[in-house]
Amino acid sequence: MATPEQVQELFRLLDYDQDGKVSIRELYGAQLFPLVMGITGGRPPEHLLENYDSDKDGSLTLEEFKKAVEAAATK
């Protein structure tokens, strides 16, 4: 399981445009995609947005991303 610091660092790396949110394009970032799949239990980005994008704006905030990672760790 990833530590909170690791999750935050991954989020920071995924947030290419530094807007405080991670879009589906950023989740599919070529170099980090395998890491995203591993840390989220193999769930594709569409699943993450569908289930954890609480404000339905098409991207994940850090808090939403943390919830997705936590949920994957408990399954």
C-alpha atoms as a PDB file:
ATOM      1  CA  MET A   1       0.000   0.000   0.000  1.00  0.00           C
ATOM      2  CA  ALA A   2       1.217   3.477  -0.825  1.00  0.00           C
ATOM      3  CA  THR A   3       1.934   5.960   1.931  1.00  0.00           C
ATOM      4  CA  PRO A   4       0.055   9.286   1.964  1.00  0.00           C
ATOM      5  CA  GLU A   5       3.260  10.979   0.858  1.00  0.00           C
ATOM      6  CA  GLN A   6       3.625   8.599  -2.102  1.00  0.00           C
ATOM      7  CA  VAL A   7       0.024   9.182  -3.157  1.00  0.00           C
ATOM      8  CA  GLN A   8       0.508  12.938  -2.945  1.00  0.00           C
ATOM      9  CA  GLU A   9       3.737  12.747  -4.959  1.00  0.00           C
ATOM     10  CA  LEU A  10       2.087  10.603  -7.633  1.00  0.00           C
ATOM     11  CA  PHE A  11      -0.768  13.095  -7.831  1.00  0.00           C
ATOM     12  CA  ARG A  12       1.715  15.946  -8.206  1.00  0.00           C
ATOM     13  CA  LEU A  13       3.514  14.098 -11.005  1.00  0.00           C
ATOM     14  CA  LEU A  14       0.258  13.293 -12.789  1.00  0.00           C
ATOM     15  CA  ASP A  15      -0.979  16.888 -12.594  1.00  0.00           C
ATOM     16  CA  TYR A  16       1.087  18.012 -15.598  1.00  0.00           C
ATOM     17  CA  ASP A  17      -0.579  21.392 -15.929  1.00  0.00           C
ATOM     18  CA  GLN A  18      -0.430  22.012 -12.153  1.00  0.00           C
ATOM     19  CA  ASP A  19      -4.090  23.037 -11.911  1.00  0.00           C
ATOM     20  CA  GLY A  20      -4.704  20.966  -8.783  1.00  0.00           C
ATOM     21  CA  LYS A  21      -6.700  18.335 -10.656  1.00  0.00           C
ATOM     22  CA  VAL A  22      -5.859  15.257 -12.680  1.00  0.00           C
ATOM     23  CA  SER A  23      -7.744  14.830 -15.946  1.00  0.00           C
ATOM     24  CA  ILE A  24      -8.271  11.612 -17.857  1.00  0.00           C
ATOM     25  CA  ARG A  25      -5.525  12.674 -20.281  1.00  0.00           C
ATOM     26  CA  GLU A  26      -3.144  13.114 -17.380  1.00  0.00           C
ATOM     27  CA  LEU A  27      -4.160   9.735 -15.925  1.00  0.00           C
ATOM     28  CA  TYR A  28      -3.281   8.111 -19.245  1.00  0.00           C
ATOM     29  CA  GLY A  29       0.154   9.805 -19.277  1.00  0.00           C
ATOM     30  CA  ALA A  30       2.382   7.324 -21.080  1.00  0.00           C
ATOM     31  CA  GLN A  31       5.207   7.073 -18.566  1.00  0.00           C
ATOM     32  CA  LEU A  32       3.111   6.889 -15.390  1.00  0.00           C
ATOM     33  CA  PHE A  33       0.131   4.883 -16.649  1.00  0.00           C
ATOM     34  CA  PRO A  34       1.457   1.515 -15.372  1.00  0.00           C
ATOM     35  CA  LEU A  35       2.044   3.049 -11.948  1.00  0.00           C
ATOM     36  CA  VAL A  36      -1.485   4.494 -11.875  1.00  0.00           C
ATOM     37  CA  MET A  37      -2.921   1.086 -12.777  1.00  0.00           C
ATOM     38  CA  GLY A  38      -0.867  -0.579 -10.058  1.00  0.00           C
ATOM     39  CA  ILE A  39      -1.718   1.849  -7.295  1.00  0.00           C
ATOM     40  CA  THR A  40      -5.438   1.838  -8.129  1.00  0.00           C
ATOM     41  CA  GLY A  41      -5.847  -1.910  -8.287  1.00  0.00           C
ATOM     42  CA  GLY A  42      -5.797  -2.116 -12.081  1.00  0.00           C
ATOM     43  CA  ARG A  43      -8.837   0.098 -12.515  1.00  0.00           C
ATOM     44  CA  PRO A  44      -8.828   2.164 -15.715  1.00  0.00           C
ATOM     45  CA  PRO A  45      -9.033   5.953 -15.529  1.00  0.00           C
ATOM     46  CA  GLU A  46     -12.650   5.923 -16.701  1.00  0.00           C
ATOM     47  CA  HIS A  47     -13.603   3.853 -13.654  1.00  0.00           C
ATOM     48  CA  LEU A  48     -11.768   6.242 -11.365  1.00  0.00           C
ATOM     49  CA  LEU A  49     -13.595   9.257 -12.768  1.00  0.00           C
ATOM     50  CA  GLU A  50     -16.952   7.511 -12.808  1.00  0.00           C
ATOM     51  CA  ASN A  51     -16.665   6.442  -9.171  1.00  0.00           C
ATOM     52  CA  TYR A  52     -14.516   9.069  -7.456  1.00  0.00           C
ATOM     53  CA  ASP A  53     -15.075  12.355  -9.308  1.00  0.00           C
ATOM     54  CA  SER A  54     -17.542  13.613  -6.700  1.00  0.00           C
ATOM     55  CA  ASP A  55     -18.191  16.981  -8.359  1.00  0.00           C
ATOM     56  CA  LYS A  56     -18.414  15.392 -11.842  1.00  0.00           C
ATOM     57  CA  ASP A  57     -16.091  17.934 -13.441  1.00  0.00           C
ATOM     58  CA  GLY A  58     -14.145  15.309 -15.422  1.00  0.00           C
ATOM     59  CA  SER A  59     -11.057  15.334 -13.234  1.00  0.00           C
ATOM     60  CA  LEU A  60      -9.878  14.213  -9.799  1.00  0.00           C
ATOM     61  CA  THR A  61      -8.748  16.456  -6.984  1.00  0.00           C
ATOM     62  CA  LEU A  62      -6.115  15.196  -4.574  1.00  0.00           C
ATOM     63  CA  GLU A  63      -8.816  14.185  -2.077  1.00  0.00           C
ATOM     64  CA  GLU A  64     -10.771  12.293  -4.736  1.00  0.00           C
ATOM     65  CA  PHE A  65      -7.584  10.566  -5.912  1.00  0.00           C
ATOM     66  CA  LYS A  66      -6.732   9.566  -2.333  1.00  0.00           C
ATOM     67  CA  LYS A  67     -10.179   7.992  -1.927  1.00  0.00           C
ATOM     68  CA  ALA A  68      -9.660   5.944  -5.095  1.00  0.00           C
ATOM     69  CA  VAL A  69      -6.276   4.713  -3.889  1.00  0.00           C
ATOM     70  CA  GLU A  70      -7.625   3.908  -0.416  1.00  0.00           C
ATOM     71  CA  ALA A  71     -10.536   1.963  -1.909  1.00  0.00           C
ATOM     72  CA  ALA A  72      -8.173  -0.060  -4.106  1.00  0.00           C
ATOM     73  CA  ALA A  73      -5.998  -0.880  -1.094  1.00  0.00           C
ATOM     74  CA  THR A  74      -8.926  -2.376   0.817  1.00  0.00           C
ATOM     75  CA  LYS A  75     -10.000  -4.737  -1.978  1.00  0.00           C
END
